[in-house]
Amino acid sequence: MRAATGVQHQLSADTPVGPATAVITELAAGIRQYTVNRVDLVETFPRESAPPKGSGIVLVPWPNRIRDGAWTHNGATLQLALTEPAKRNASHGLLRYTSYRLSARTPGSVTLAATVFPQPGYPFQLDTTVSYSLTDDGLEVSHAIVNVGDTPAPVAVGAHPFLRLGETSTEVLTLRVAADTHLEVDDRQIPVSGAPVEGTVFDLREGRRVGELDLDDGYSGVTFERGRCEHSLTGPHGRQVVLWGDENFRYVQVFTPRTFPNSGTDGVHQAVAIEPMTAPANAFNSGDGLRWLAPGEEWSPRWGIRHEGLAGGS
């Protein structure tokens, strides 16, 4: 049976702590597997399955949601398809179910490309690529988005990785999110205001146990050191997986569902997605974090997953 996510691009590299492997899918240029020294650092799912809960996919030209799928441009209301019909939102961009074509590859890297064509609600054209590279300390992800149309185009970028630390139960991991502001939302998960996390259950700056959390929440006020933000999961013995982003990624969504399907077996478990975003939900209406690319302009945000303490294996 052909994989439900299309061609499986398998990467491998030797690193100082052991072999690293990854599987990147044709569908949505998603991360289906990433392992270092026999330790899984993302949630995996079978070849025969669609990405559960958007696991690992790329989100372009917007992450998260747009209320009613509607926004105003040059005085006209534009209507996107409602891909989250239960809440009447347009969700996770226009490439979620798109086949990415191979552009370049080496044993330890791959570049995939896809075009956003003009369509109802988004009358712009973008050429996009995403490159994955295995390095000594992690998986680096580089996006390139070019406006190939003749008018300025609104763009935001996100990704949907679910992180893990091998066989350690996610519930006992400590989640740290370096962000000062929680995005308060309405019943359709559209931001209505921002509130300081200080003194609230949403304060993850010093870390909280994942098992205590039930979140599908956005954050702004992301803090940066030396040009990077870092959010992390830490295990009981100090092993750590870190989601980092460059200065374009000033927002993050944290999602801790308790119904993530077990890979290859029956049952479910709690998982945790740390989703880097260059703009929050409803950015086409609020303008927050939204980037307008001039005709011919290219934008190249970068993020990645790095690891610490994996030399001992799984």
C-alpha atoms as a PDB file:
ATOM      1  CA  MET A   1       0.000   0.000   0.000  1.00  0.00           C
ATOM      2  CA  ARG A   2       1.286   3.454  -0.898  1.00  0.00           C
ATOM      3  CA  ALA A   3       1.986   5.676   2.097  1.00  0.00           C
ATOM      4  CA  ALA A   4      -0.887   8.031   2.935  1.00  0.00           C
ATOM      5  CA  THR A   5       1.661  10.853   3.113  1.00  0.00           C
ATOM      6  CA  GLY A   6       3.216  10.039  -0.263  1.00  0.00           C
ATOM      7  CA  VAL A   7       6.944   9.669  -0.891  1.00  0.00           C
ATOM      8  CA  GLN A   8       8.977   9.152   2.275  1.00  0.00           C
ATOM      9  CA  HIS A   9      12.290  11.044   2.138  1.00  0.00           C
ATOM     10  CA  GLN A  10      14.674   9.210   4.471  1.00  0.00           C
ATOM     11  CA  LEU A  11      17.637  11.142   5.873  1.00  0.00           C
ATOM     12  CA  SER A  12      20.601   9.837   7.858  1.00  0.00           C
ATOM     13  CA  ALA A  13      23.785  11.234   9.348  1.00  0.00           C
ATOM     14  CA  ASP A  14      26.434  10.310  11.890  1.00  0.00           C
ATOM     15  CA  THR A  15      26.623  12.672  14.856  1.00  0.00           C
ATOM     16  CA  PRO A  16      28.880  12.858  17.933  1.00  0.00           C
ATOM     17  CA  VAL A  17      26.183  11.180  20.055  1.00  0.00           C
ATOM     18  CA  GLY A  18      25.225   8.489  17.546  1.00  0.00           C
ATOM     19  CA  PRO A  19      23.292   7.996  14.309  1.00  0.00           C
ATOM     20  CA  ALA A  20      20.528  10.437  13.402  1.00  0.00           C
ATOM     21  CA  THR A  21      17.660   9.604  11.057  1.00  0.00           C
ATOM     22  CA  ALA A  22      14.565  11.440   9.851  1.00  0.00           C
ATOM     23  CA  VAL A  23      11.640  10.793   7.529  1.00  0.00           C
ATOM     24  CA  ILE A  24      10.147  13.801   5.722  1.00  0.00           C
ATOM     25  CA  THR A  25       6.900  13.286   3.831  1.00  0.00           C
ATOM     26  CA  GLU A  26       5.796  14.408   0.385  1.00  0.00           C
ATOM     27  CA  LEU A  27       2.482  15.496   1.907  1.00  0.00           C
ATOM     28  CA  ALA A  28       2.772  18.912   3.594  1.00  0.00           C
ATOM     29  CA  ALA A  29       6.578  18.480   3.825  1.00  0.00           C
ATOM     30  CA  GLY A  30       5.960  16.967   7.258  1.00  0.00           C
ATOM     31  CA  ILE A  31       8.293  15.360   9.801  1.00  0.00           C
ATOM     32  CA  ARG A  32       7.076  11.783  10.300  1.00  0.00           C
ATOM     33  CA  GLN A  33      10.105  10.551  12.243  1.00  0.00           C
ATOM     34  CA  TYR A  34      13.207  12.040  13.825  1.00  0.00           C
ATOM     35  CA  THR A  35      15.530   9.857  15.911  1.00  0.00           C
ATOM     36  CA  VAL A  36      18.977  10.403  17.424  1.00  0.00           C
ATOM     37  CA  ASN A  37      20.960   7.563  19.008  1.00  0.00           C
ATOM     38  CA  ARG A  38      17.784   5.400  19.007  1.00  0.00           C
ATOM     39  CA  VAL A  39      15.791   8.098  20.843  1.00  0.00           C
ATOM     40  CA  ASP A  40      12.624   9.349  19.109  1.00  0.00           C
ATOM     41  CA  LEU A  41      12.440  13.144  19.362  1.00  0.00           C
ATOM     42  CA  VAL A  42       9.079  13.576  17.624  1.00  0.00           C
ATOM     43  CA  GLU A  43       5.860  11.604  17.736  1.00  0.00           C
ATOM     44  CA  THR A  44       5.737   9.044  14.941  1.00  0.00           C
ATOM     45  CA  PHE A  45       2.814   7.596  13.028  1.00  0.00           C
ATOM     46  CA  PRO A  46       2.433   4.739  10.531  1.00  0.00           C
ATOM     47  CA  ARG A  47       3.046   5.127   6.801  1.00  0.00           C
ATOM     48  CA  GLU A  48      -0.565   4.140   6.206  1.00  0.00           C
ATOM     49  CA  SER A  49      -1.949   7.008   8.313  1.00  0.00           C
ATOM     50  CA  ALA A  50      -2.592  10.672   7.661  1.00  0.00           C
ATOM     51  CA  PRO A  51      -0.710  12.977  10.064  1.00  0.00           C
ATOM     52  CA  PRO A  52      -2.702  12.757  13.321  1.00  0.00           C
ATOM     53  CA  LYS A  53      -3.696  16.196  14.592  1.00  0.00           C
ATOM     54  CA  GLY A  54      -1.515  17.786  11.906  1.00  0.00           C
ATOM     55  CA  SER A  55       1.610  16.134  13.283  1.00  0.00           C
ATOM     56  CA  GLY A  56       4.786  17.550  11.737  1.00  0.00           C
ATOM     57  CA  ILE A  57       3.224  19.526   8.873  1.00  0.00           C
ATOM     58  CA  VAL A  58       4.205  22.916   7.418  1.00  0.00           C
ATOM     59  CA  LEU A  59       1.684  25.774   7.714  1.00  0.00           C
ATOM     60  CA  VAL A  60       1.770  28.358   4.895  1.00  0.00           C
ATOM     61  CA  PRO A  61       0.664  31.092   4.145  1.00  0.00           C
ATOM     62  CA  TRP A  62      -0.756  31.278   7.655  1.00  0.00           C
ATOM     63  CA  PRO A  63      -0.639  29.092  10.775  1.00  0.00           C
ATOM     64  CA  ASN A  64      -3.532  28.528  13.164  1.00  0.00           C
ATOM     65  CA  ARG A  65      -6.950  30.019  12.349  1.00  0.00           C
ATOM     66  CA  ILE A  66      -8.724  32.825  10.498  1.00  0.00           C
ATOM     67  CA  ARG A  67     -12.134  33.711  11.916  1.00  0.00           C
ATOM     68  CA  ASP A  68     -14.952  32.871   9.461  1.00  0.00           C
ATOM     69  CA  GLY A  69     -12.216  32.362   6.851  1.00  0.00           C
ATOM     70  CA  ALA A  70     -12.860  36.003   5.963  1.00  0.00           C
ATOM     71  CA  TRP A  71     -10.606  39.030   5.779  1.00  0.00           C
ATOM     72  CA  THR A  72     -10.562  42.415   4.082  1.00  0.00           C
ATOM     73  CA  HIS A  73      -8.116  43.496   1.389  1.00  0.00           C
ATOM     74  CA  ASN A  74      -8.263  46.797  -0.487  1.00  0.00           C
ATOM     75  CA  GLY A  75     -11.802  47.343   0.762  1.00  0.00           C
ATOM     76  CA  ALA A  76     -13.115  43.969  -0.404  1.00  0.00           C
ATOM     77  CA  THR A  77     -14.001  40.978   1.774  1.00  0.00           C
ATOM     78  CA  LEU A  78     -12.165  37.824   0.710  1.00  0.00           C
ATOM     79  CA  GLN A  79     -13.528  34.394   1.660  1.00  0.00           C
ATOM     80  CA  LEU A  80     -11.310  31.357   2.283  1.00  0.00           C
ATOM     81  CA  ALA A  81     -12.583  27.789   2.528  1.00  0.00           C
ATOM     82  CA  LEU A  82     -13.725  26.859   6.044  1.00  0.00           C
ATOM     83  CA  THR A  83     -11.388  23.967   6.813  1.00  0.00           C
ATOM     84  CA  GLU A  84     -12.379  23.887  10.498  1.00  0.00           C
ATOM     85  CA  PRO A  85     -16.151  23.822   9.938  1.00  0.00           C
ATOM     86  CA  ALA A  86     -17.118  23.052  13.537  1.00  0.00           C
ATOM     87  CA  LYS A  87     -15.753  26.455  14.564  1.00  0.00           C
ATOM     88  CA  ARG A  88     -16.226  28.180  11.188  1.00  0.00           C
ATOM     89  CA  ASN A  89     -12.546  28.922  10.754  1.00  0.00           C
ATOM     90  CA  ALA A  90     -10.002  28.604   7.964  1.00  0.00           C
ATOM     91  CA  SER A  91      -7.216  26.581   9.542  1.00  0.00           C
ATOM     92  CA  HIS A  92      -3.496  25.959   8.972  1.00  0.00           C
ATOM     93  CA  GLY A  93      -2.949  27.556   5.590  1.00  0.00           C
ATOM     94  CA  LEU A  94      -3.241  26.292   2.025  1.00  0.00           C
ATOM     95  CA  LEU A  95      -0.591  23.563   1.746  1.00  0.00           C
ATOM     96  CA  ARG A  96      -1.756  21.125   4.421  1.00  0.00           C
ATOM     97  CA  TYR A  97      -2.930  18.582   1.817  1.00  0.00           C
ATOM     98  CA  THR A  98      -0.460  19.516  -0.930  1.00  0.00           C
ATOM     99  CA  SER A  99       2.190  17.306  -2.497  1.00  0.00           C
ATOM    100  CA  TYR A 100       5.656  18.860  -2.229  1.00  0.00           C
ATOM    101  CA  ARG A 101       8.043  18.077  -5.088  1.00  0.00           C
ATOM    102  CA  LEU A 102      11.684  17.154  -4.555  1.00  0.00           C
ATOM    103  CA  SER A 103      14.051  20.042  -5.242  1.00  0.00           C
ATOM    104  CA  ALA A 104      17.396  18.830  -3.853  1.00  0.00           C
ATOM    105  CA  ARG A 105      18.764  16.210  -1.513  1.00  0.00           C
ATOM    106  CA  THR A 106      21.859  14.694   0.072  1.00  0.00           C
ATOM    107  CA  PRO A 107      22.026  11.713   2.450  1.00  0.00           C
ATOM    108  CA  GLY A 108      21.398  14.042   5.399  1.00  0.00           C
ATOM    109  CA  SER A 109      19.217  16.762   3.896  1.00  0.00           C
ATOM    110  CA  VAL A 110      16.268  17.365   1.613  1.00  0.00           C
ATOM    111  CA  THR A 111      14.624  20.423   0.055  1.00  0.00           C
ATOM    112  CA  LEU A 112      10.973  20.217  -0.972  1.00  0.00           C
ATOM    113  CA  ALA A 113       8.998  22.770  -2.984  1.00  0.00           C
ATOM    114  CA  ALA A 114       5.340  23.697  -3.420  1.00  0.00           C
ATOM    115  CA  THR A 115       3.437  26.567  -5.000  1.00  0.00           C
ATOM    116  CA  VAL A 116       0.544  28.481  -3.478  1.00  0.00           C
ATOM    117  CA  PHE A 117      -1.606  29.357  -6.486  1.00  0.00           C
ATOM    118  CA  PRO A 118      -4.176  32.185  -6.561  1.00  0.00           C
ATOM    119  CA  GLN A 119      -7.546  30.934  -5.307  1.00  0.00           C
ATOM    120  CA  PRO A 120     -10.720  32.122  -3.558  1.00  0.00           C
ATOM    121  CA  GLY A 121      -9.745  34.118  -0.490  1.00  0.00           C
ATOM    122  CA  TYR A 122      -6.049  34.308  -1.437  1.00  0.00           C
ATOM    123  CA  PRO A 123      -5.480  35.918  -4.866  1.00  0.00           C
ATOM    124  CA  PHE A 124      -1.685  35.717  -4.658  1.00  0.00           C
ATOM    125  CA  GLN A 125       1.007  33.344  -5.901  1.00  0.00           C
ATOM    126  CA  LEU A 126       3.956  32.115  -3.831  1.00  0.00           C
ATOM    127  CA  ASP A 127       6.806  29.761  -4.571  1.00  0.00           C
ATOM    128  CA  THR A 128       7.817  28.011  -1.356  1.00  0.00           C
ATOM    129  CA  THR A 129      10.537  25.609  -0.284  1.00  0.00           C
ATOM    130  CA  VAL A 130      11.402  23.967   3.000  1.00  0.00           C
ATOM    131  CA  SER A 131      14.793  22.397   3.696  1.00  0.00           C
ATOM    132  CA  TYR A 132      15.524  19.849   6.428  1.00  0.00           C
ATOM    133  CA  SER A 133      19.133  19.142   7.443  1.00  0.00           C
ATOM    134  CA  LEU A 134      20.500  16.738  10.044  1.00  0.00           C
ATOM    135  CA  THR A 135      23.313  18.384  12.011  1.00  0.00           C
ATOM    136  CA  ASP A 136      25.510  17.391  14.941  1.00  0.00           C
ATOM    137  CA  ASP A 137      23.058  18.777  17.487  1.00  0.00           C
ATOM    138  CA  GLY A 138      19.699  18.600  15.776  1.00  0.00           C
ATOM    139  CA  LEU A 139      17.383  19.013  12.824  1.00  0.00           C
ATOM    140  CA  GLU A 140      17.477  22.422  11.124  1.00  0.00           C
ATOM    141  CA  VAL A 141      14.525  23.692   9.089  1.00  0.00           C
ATOM    142  CA  SER A 142      14.807  26.570   6.612  1.00  0.00           C
ATOM    143  CA  HIS A 143      11.857  28.049   4.724  1.00  0.00           C
ATOM    144  CA  ALA A 144      12.051  30.184   1.602  1.00  0.00           C
ATOM    145  CA  ILE A 145       8.960  32.003   0.356  1.00  0.00           C
ATOM    146  CA  VAL A 146       8.983  34.131  -2.783  1.00  0.00           C
ATOM    147  CA  ASN A 147       6.126  36.314  -3.985  1.00  0.00           C
ATOM    148  CA  VAL A 148       5.993  35.519  -7.703  1.00  0.00           C
ATOM    149  CA  GLY A 149       2.859  37.604  -8.259  1.00  0.00           C
ATOM    150  CA  ASP A 150       2.604  41.246  -9.250  1.00  0.00           C
ATOM    151  CA  THR A 151       1.055  42.645  -6.037  1.00  0.00           C
ATOM    152  CA  PRO A 152       2.179  42.528  -2.371  1.00  0.00           C
ATOM    153  CA  ALA A 153       1.135  39.272  -0.664  1.00  0.00           C
ATOM    154  CA  PRO A 154       0.398  38.617   3.036  1.00  0.00           C
ATOM    155  CA  VAL A 155       2.393  35.709   4.472  1.00  0.00           C
ATOM    156  CA  ALA A 156       2.950  33.962   7.784  1.00  0.00           C
ATOM    157  CA  VAL A 157       4.673  30.642   8.497  1.00  0.00           C
ATOM    158  CA  GLY A 158       4.201  27.957  11.106  1.00  0.00           C
ATOM    159  CA  ALA A 159       4.929  24.304  11.784  1.00  0.00           C
ATOM    160  CA  HIS A 160       3.232  21.606  13.871  1.00  0.00           C
ATOM    161  CA  PRO A 161       5.863  19.313  15.454  1.00  0.00           C
ATOM    162  CA  PHE A 162       4.874  17.044  18.343  1.00  0.00           C
ATOM    163  CA  LEU A 163       7.997  16.520  20.474  1.00  0.00           C
ATOM    164  CA  ARG A 164       8.909  13.570  22.702  1.00  0.00           C
ATOM    165  CA  LEU A 165      11.882  12.007  24.501  1.00  0.00           C
ATOM    166  CA  GLY A 166      12.088   8.364  23.470  1.00  0.00           C
ATOM    167  CA  GLU A 167      10.055   5.971  25.572  1.00  0.00           C
ATOM    168  CA  THR A 168       9.694   8.382  28.498  1.00  0.00           C
ATOM    169  CA  SER A 169       6.011   9.040  29.153  1.00  0.00           C
ATOM    170  CA  THR A 170       5.166  12.539  27.954  1.00  0.00           C
ATOM    171  CA  GLU A 171       3.132  13.182  31.093  1.00  0.00           C
ATOM    172  CA  VAL A 172       6.267  13.192  33.285  1.00  0.00           C
ATOM    173  CA  LEU A 173       8.240  15.575  31.062  1.00  0.00           C
ATOM    174  CA  THR A 174       8.705  19.204  32.048  1.00  0.00           C
ATOM    175  CA  LEU A 175       7.520  21.702  29.452  1.00  0.00           C
ATOM    176  CA  ARG A 176       9.129  25.134  29.353  1.00  0.00           C
ATOM    177  CA  VAL A 177       7.833  27.905  27.081  1.00  0.00           C
ATOM    178  CA  ALA A 178       9.799  31.152  26.939  1.00  0.00           C
ATOM    179  CA  ALA A 179       6.887  33.557  26.501  1.00  0.00           C
ATOM    180  CA  ASP A 180       5.526  36.346  28.695  1.00  0.00           C
ATOM    181  CA  THR A 181       2.016  36.796  27.276  1.00  0.00           C
ATOM    182  CA  HIS A 182      -0.903  34.383  26.966  1.00  0.00           C
ATOM    183  CA  LEU A 183      -3.347  35.011  24.110  1.00  0.00           C
ATOM    184  CA  GLU A 184      -6.883  35.093  25.496  1.00  0.00           C
ATOM    185  CA  VAL A 185      -9.363  33.662  22.971  1.00  0.00           C
ATOM    186  CA  ASP A 186     -13.078  33.411  22.299  1.00  0.00           C
ATOM    187  CA  ASP A 187     -15.031  30.159  21.964  1.00  0.00           C
ATOM    188  CA  ARG A 188     -13.655  29.704  18.437  1.00  0.00           C
ATOM    189  CA  GLN A 189     -10.037  30.028  19.587  1.00  0.00           C
ATOM    190  CA  ILE A 190      -9.582  33.450  18.011  1.00  0.00           C
ATOM    191  CA  PRO A 191      -7.452  35.872  20.076  1.00  0.00           C
ATOM    192  CA  VAL A 192      -9.298  38.774  21.671  1.00  0.00           C
ATOM    193  CA  SER A 193      -6.562  40.103  23.958  1.00  0.00           C
ATOM    194  CA  GLY A 194      -3.206  39.311  25.541  1.00  0.00           C
ATOM    195  CA  ALA A 195      -2.560  38.905  29.258  1.00  0.00           C
ATOM    196  CA  PRO A 196       0.687  38.544  31.236  1.00  0.00           C
ATOM    197  CA  VAL A 197       1.358  34.941  32.256  1.00  0.00           C
ATOM    198  CA  GLU A 198       2.770  36.047  35.624  1.00  0.00           C
ATOM    199  CA  GLY A 199       0.803  34.387  38.428  1.00  0.00           C
ATOM    200  CA  THR A 200      -1.428  32.334  36.114  1.00  0.00           C
ATOM    201  CA  VAL A 201      -1.701  28.665  35.143  1.00  0.00           C
ATOM    202  CA  PHE A 202      -0.345  29.639  31.726  1.00  0.00           C
ATOM    203  CA  ASP A 203       3.079  30.599  33.047  1.00  0.00           C
ATOM    204  CA  LEU A 204       5.438  27.967  31.624  1.00  0.00           C
ATOM    205  CA  ARG A 205       8.628  30.027  31.814  1.00  0.00           C
ATOM    206  CA  GLU A 206      10.066  27.947  34.653  1.00  0.00           C
ATOM    207  CA  GLY A 207       8.515  24.716  33.424  1.00  0.00           C
ATOM    208  CA  ARG A 208       5.523  22.592  34.378  1.00  0.00           C
ATOM    209  CA  ARG A 209       4.822  18.871  34.174  1.00  0.00           C
ATOM    210  CA  VAL A 210       2.973  18.033  30.954  1.00  0.00           C
ATOM    211  CA  GLY A 211       0.536  15.732  32.744  1.00  0.00           C
ATOM    212  CA  GLU A 212      -0.847  18.766  34.606  1.00  0.00           C
ATOM    213  CA  LEU A 213      -1.664  20.620  31.395  1.00  0.00           C
ATOM    214  CA  ASP A 214      -4.649  20.703  29.039  1.00  0.00           C
ATOM    215  CA  LEU A 215      -3.670  23.367  26.536  1.00  0.00           C
ATOM    216  CA  ASP A 216      -4.398  24.479  23.018  1.00  0.00           C
ATOM    217  CA  ASP A 217      -3.132  27.989  23.643  1.00  0.00           C
ATOM    218  CA  GLY A 218      -1.135  30.659  21.884  1.00  0.00           C
ATOM    219  CA  TYR A 219       1.571  32.857  23.346  1.00  0.00           C
ATOM    220  CA  SER A 220       3.267  36.082  22.351  1.00  0.00           C
ATOM    221  CA  GLY A 221       6.022  38.019  24.092  1.00  0.00           C
ATOM    222  CA  VAL A 222       8.452  35.253  23.150  1.00  0.00           C
ATOM    223  CA  THR A 223      11.892  35.946  24.601  1.00  0.00           C
ATOM    224  CA  PHE A 224      15.098  35.719  22.580  1.00  0.00           C
ATOM    225  CA  GLU A 225      18.728  35.202  23.477  1.00  0.00           C
ATOM    226  CA  ARG A 226      21.439  35.629  20.857  1.00  0.00           C
ATOM    227  CA  GLY A 227      18.813  35.811  18.129  1.00  0.00           C
ATOM    228  CA  ARG A 228      16.925  32.635  19.094  1.00  0.00           C
ATOM    229  CA  CYS A 229      13.898  31.670  21.130  1.00  0.00           C
ATOM    230  CA  GLU A 230      13.945  28.261  22.808  1.00  0.00           C
ATOM    231  CA  HIS A 231      11.125  26.130  24.226  1.00  0.00           C
ATOM    232  CA  SER A 232      11.852  22.702  25.676  1.00  0.00           C
ATOM    233  CA  LEU A 233      10.823  19.336  27.065  1.00  0.00           C
ATOM    234  CA  THR A 234      13.063  17.925  29.796  1.00  0.00           C
ATOM    235  CA  GLY A 235      13.071  14.393  31.160  1.00  0.00           C
ATOM    236  CA  PRO A 236      13.632  13.165  34.730  1.00  0.00           C
ATOM    237  CA  HIS A 237      17.330  12.494  34.082  1.00  0.00           C
ATOM    238  CA  GLY A 238      18.128  15.785  32.359  1.00  0.00           C
ATOM    239  CA  ARG A 239      17.762  14.719  28.736  1.00  0.00           C
ATOM    240  CA  GLN A 240      16.155  17.468  26.718  1.00  0.00           C
ATOM    241  CA  VAL A 241      14.611  18.233  23.351  1.00  0.00           C
ATOM    242  CA  VAL A 242      14.457  21.911  22.366  1.00  0.00           C
ATOM    243  CA  LEU A 243      12.337  23.696  19.766  1.00  0.00           C
ATOM    244  CA  TRP A 244      14.142  26.845  18.624  1.00  0.00           C
ATOM    245  CA  GLY A 245      13.242  29.613  16.216  1.00  0.00           C
ATOM    246  CA  ASP A 246      14.964  32.633  14.748  1.00  0.00           C
ATOM    247  CA  GLU A 247      13.711  36.175  15.353  1.00  0.00           C
ATOM    248  CA  ASN A 248      10.846  35.703  12.892  1.00  0.00           C
ATOM    249  CA  PHE A 249       9.121  33.254  15.255  1.00  0.00           C
ATOM    250  CA  ARG A 250       7.653  35.648  17.837  1.00  0.00           C
ATOM    251  CA  TYR A 251       4.602  33.494  18.601  1.00  0.00           C
ATOM    252  CA  VAL A 252       4.109  29.898  19.698  1.00  0.00           C
ATOM    253  CA  GLN A 253       1.121  27.574  20.102  1.00  0.00           C
ATOM    254  CA  VAL A 254       1.181  24.852  22.780  1.00  0.00           C
ATOM    255  CA  PHE A 255      -1.115  21.845  22.320  1.00  0.00           C
ATOM    256  CA  THR A 256      -1.277  18.956  24.814  1.00  0.00           C
ATOM    257  CA  PRO A 257      -3.989  16.552  23.591  1.00  0.00           C
ATOM    258  CA  ARG A 258      -4.620  13.378  25.597  1.00  0.00           C
ATOM    259  CA  THR A 259      -5.915  11.491  22.544  1.00  0.00           C
ATOM    260  CA  PHE A 260      -2.836  11.215  20.323  1.00  0.00           C
ATOM    261  CA  PRO A 261      -2.900   7.740  18.731  1.00  0.00           C
ATOM    262  CA  ASN A 262      -0.212   5.253  19.682  1.00  0.00           C
ATOM    263  CA  SER A 263       2.029   4.425  16.732  1.00  0.00           C
ATOM    264  CA  GLY A 264       1.340   0.932  15.416  1.00  0.00           C
ATOM    265  CA  THR A 265      -0.824  -0.150  18.373  1.00  0.00           C
ATOM    266  CA  ASP A 266      -4.271   0.524  19.735  1.00  0.00           C
ATOM    267  CA  GLY A 267      -4.888   3.197  22.313  1.00  0.00           C
ATOM    268  CA  VAL A 268      -3.989   6.827  22.831  1.00  0.00           C
ATOM    269  CA  HIS A 269      -1.618   8.882  24.973  1.00  0.00           C
ATOM    270  CA  GLN A 270      -0.942  12.489  25.863  1.00  0.00           C
ATOM    271  CA  ALA A 271       1.313  14.315  23.441  1.00  0.00           C
ATOM    272  CA  VAL A 272       2.703  17.851  23.264  1.00  0.00           C
ATOM    273  CA  ALA A 273       3.066  20.062  20.229  1.00  0.00           C
ATOM    274  CA  ILE A 274       5.237  23.161  20.390  1.00  0.00           C
ATOM    275  CA  GLU A 275       4.274  25.057  17.249  1.00  0.00           C
ATOM    276  CA  PRO A 276       6.558  27.902  16.117  1.00  0.00           C
ATOM    277  CA  MET A 277       4.606  30.680  14.380  1.00  0.00           C
ATOM    278  CA  THR A 278       5.600  33.969  12.791  1.00  0.00           C
ATOM    279  CA  ALA A 279       2.072  35.290  13.428  1.00  0.00           C
ATOM    280  CA  PRO A 280      -0.788  34.343  15.761  1.00  0.00           C
ATOM    281  CA  ALA A 281      -4.258  33.123  14.905  1.00  0.00           C
ATOM    282  CA  ASN A 282      -6.381  35.541  12.843  1.00  0.00           C
ATOM    283  CA  ALA A 283      -3.353  37.525  11.679  1.00  0.00           C
ATOM    284  CA  PHE A 284      -4.968  38.308   8.305  1.00  0.00           C
ATOM    285  CA  ASN A 285      -7.486  40.388  10.264  1.00  0.00           C
ATOM    286  CA  SER A 286      -5.394  41.719  13.151  1.00  0.00           C
ATOM    287  CA  GLY A 287      -2.208  42.277  11.153  1.00  0.00           C
ATOM    288  CA  ASP A 288      -0.165  41.004  14.109  1.00  0.00           C
ATOM    289  CA  GLY A 289       3.055  39.420  12.892  1.00  0.00           C
ATOM    290  CA  LEU A 290       1.849  39.446   9.288  1.00  0.00           C
ATOM    291  CA  ARG A 291       4.532  39.914   6.622  1.00  0.00           C
ATOM    292  CA  TRP A 292       3.682  41.579   3.310  1.00  0.00           C
ATOM    293  CA  LEU A 293       6.070  40.406   0.597  1.00  0.00           C
ATOM    294  CA  ALA A 294       6.630  42.745  -2.323  1.00  0.00           C
ATOM    295  CA  PRO A 295       6.609  41.234  -5.830  1.00  0.00           C
ATOM    296  CA  GLY A 296       9.840  39.269  -6.237  1.00  0.00           C
ATOM    297  CA  GLU A 297      10.712  39.498  -2.526  1.00  0.00           C
ATOM    298  CA  GLU A 298      11.983  36.398  -0.682  1.00  0.00           C
ATOM    299  CA  TRP A 299      11.627  35.628   3.019  1.00  0.00           C
ATOM    300  CA  SER A 300      13.629  32.910   4.803  1.00  0.00           C
ATOM    301  CA  PRO A 301      12.609  32.131   8.421  1.00  0.00           C
ATOM    302  CA  ARG A 302      14.424  29.298  10.228  1.00  0.00           C
ATOM    303  CA  TRP A 303      13.680  26.996  13.163  1.00  0.00           C
ATOM    304  CA  GLY A 304      14.747  23.590  14.355  1.00  0.00           C
ATOM    305  CA  ILE A 305      14.855  20.836  16.935  1.00  0.00           C
ATOM    306  CA  ARG A 306      17.989  20.233  18.969  1.00  0.00           C
ATOM    307  CA  HIS A 307      18.833  17.756  21.710  1.00  0.00           C
ATOM    308  CA  GLU A 308      20.906  17.510  24.874  1.00  0.00           C
ATOM    309  CA  GLY A 309      22.054  14.550  26.943  1.00  0.00           C
ATOM    310  CA  LEU A 310      21.371  11.789  24.425  1.00  0.00           C
ATOM    311  CA  ALA A 311      24.798  10.152  24.477  1.00  0.00           C
ATOM    312  CA  GLY A 312      23.455   7.383  26.717  1.00  0.00           C
ATOM    313  CA  GLY A 313      20.888   6.227  24.137  1.00  0.00           C
ATOM    314  CA  SER A 314      17.281   5.260  24.865  1.00  0.00           C
END
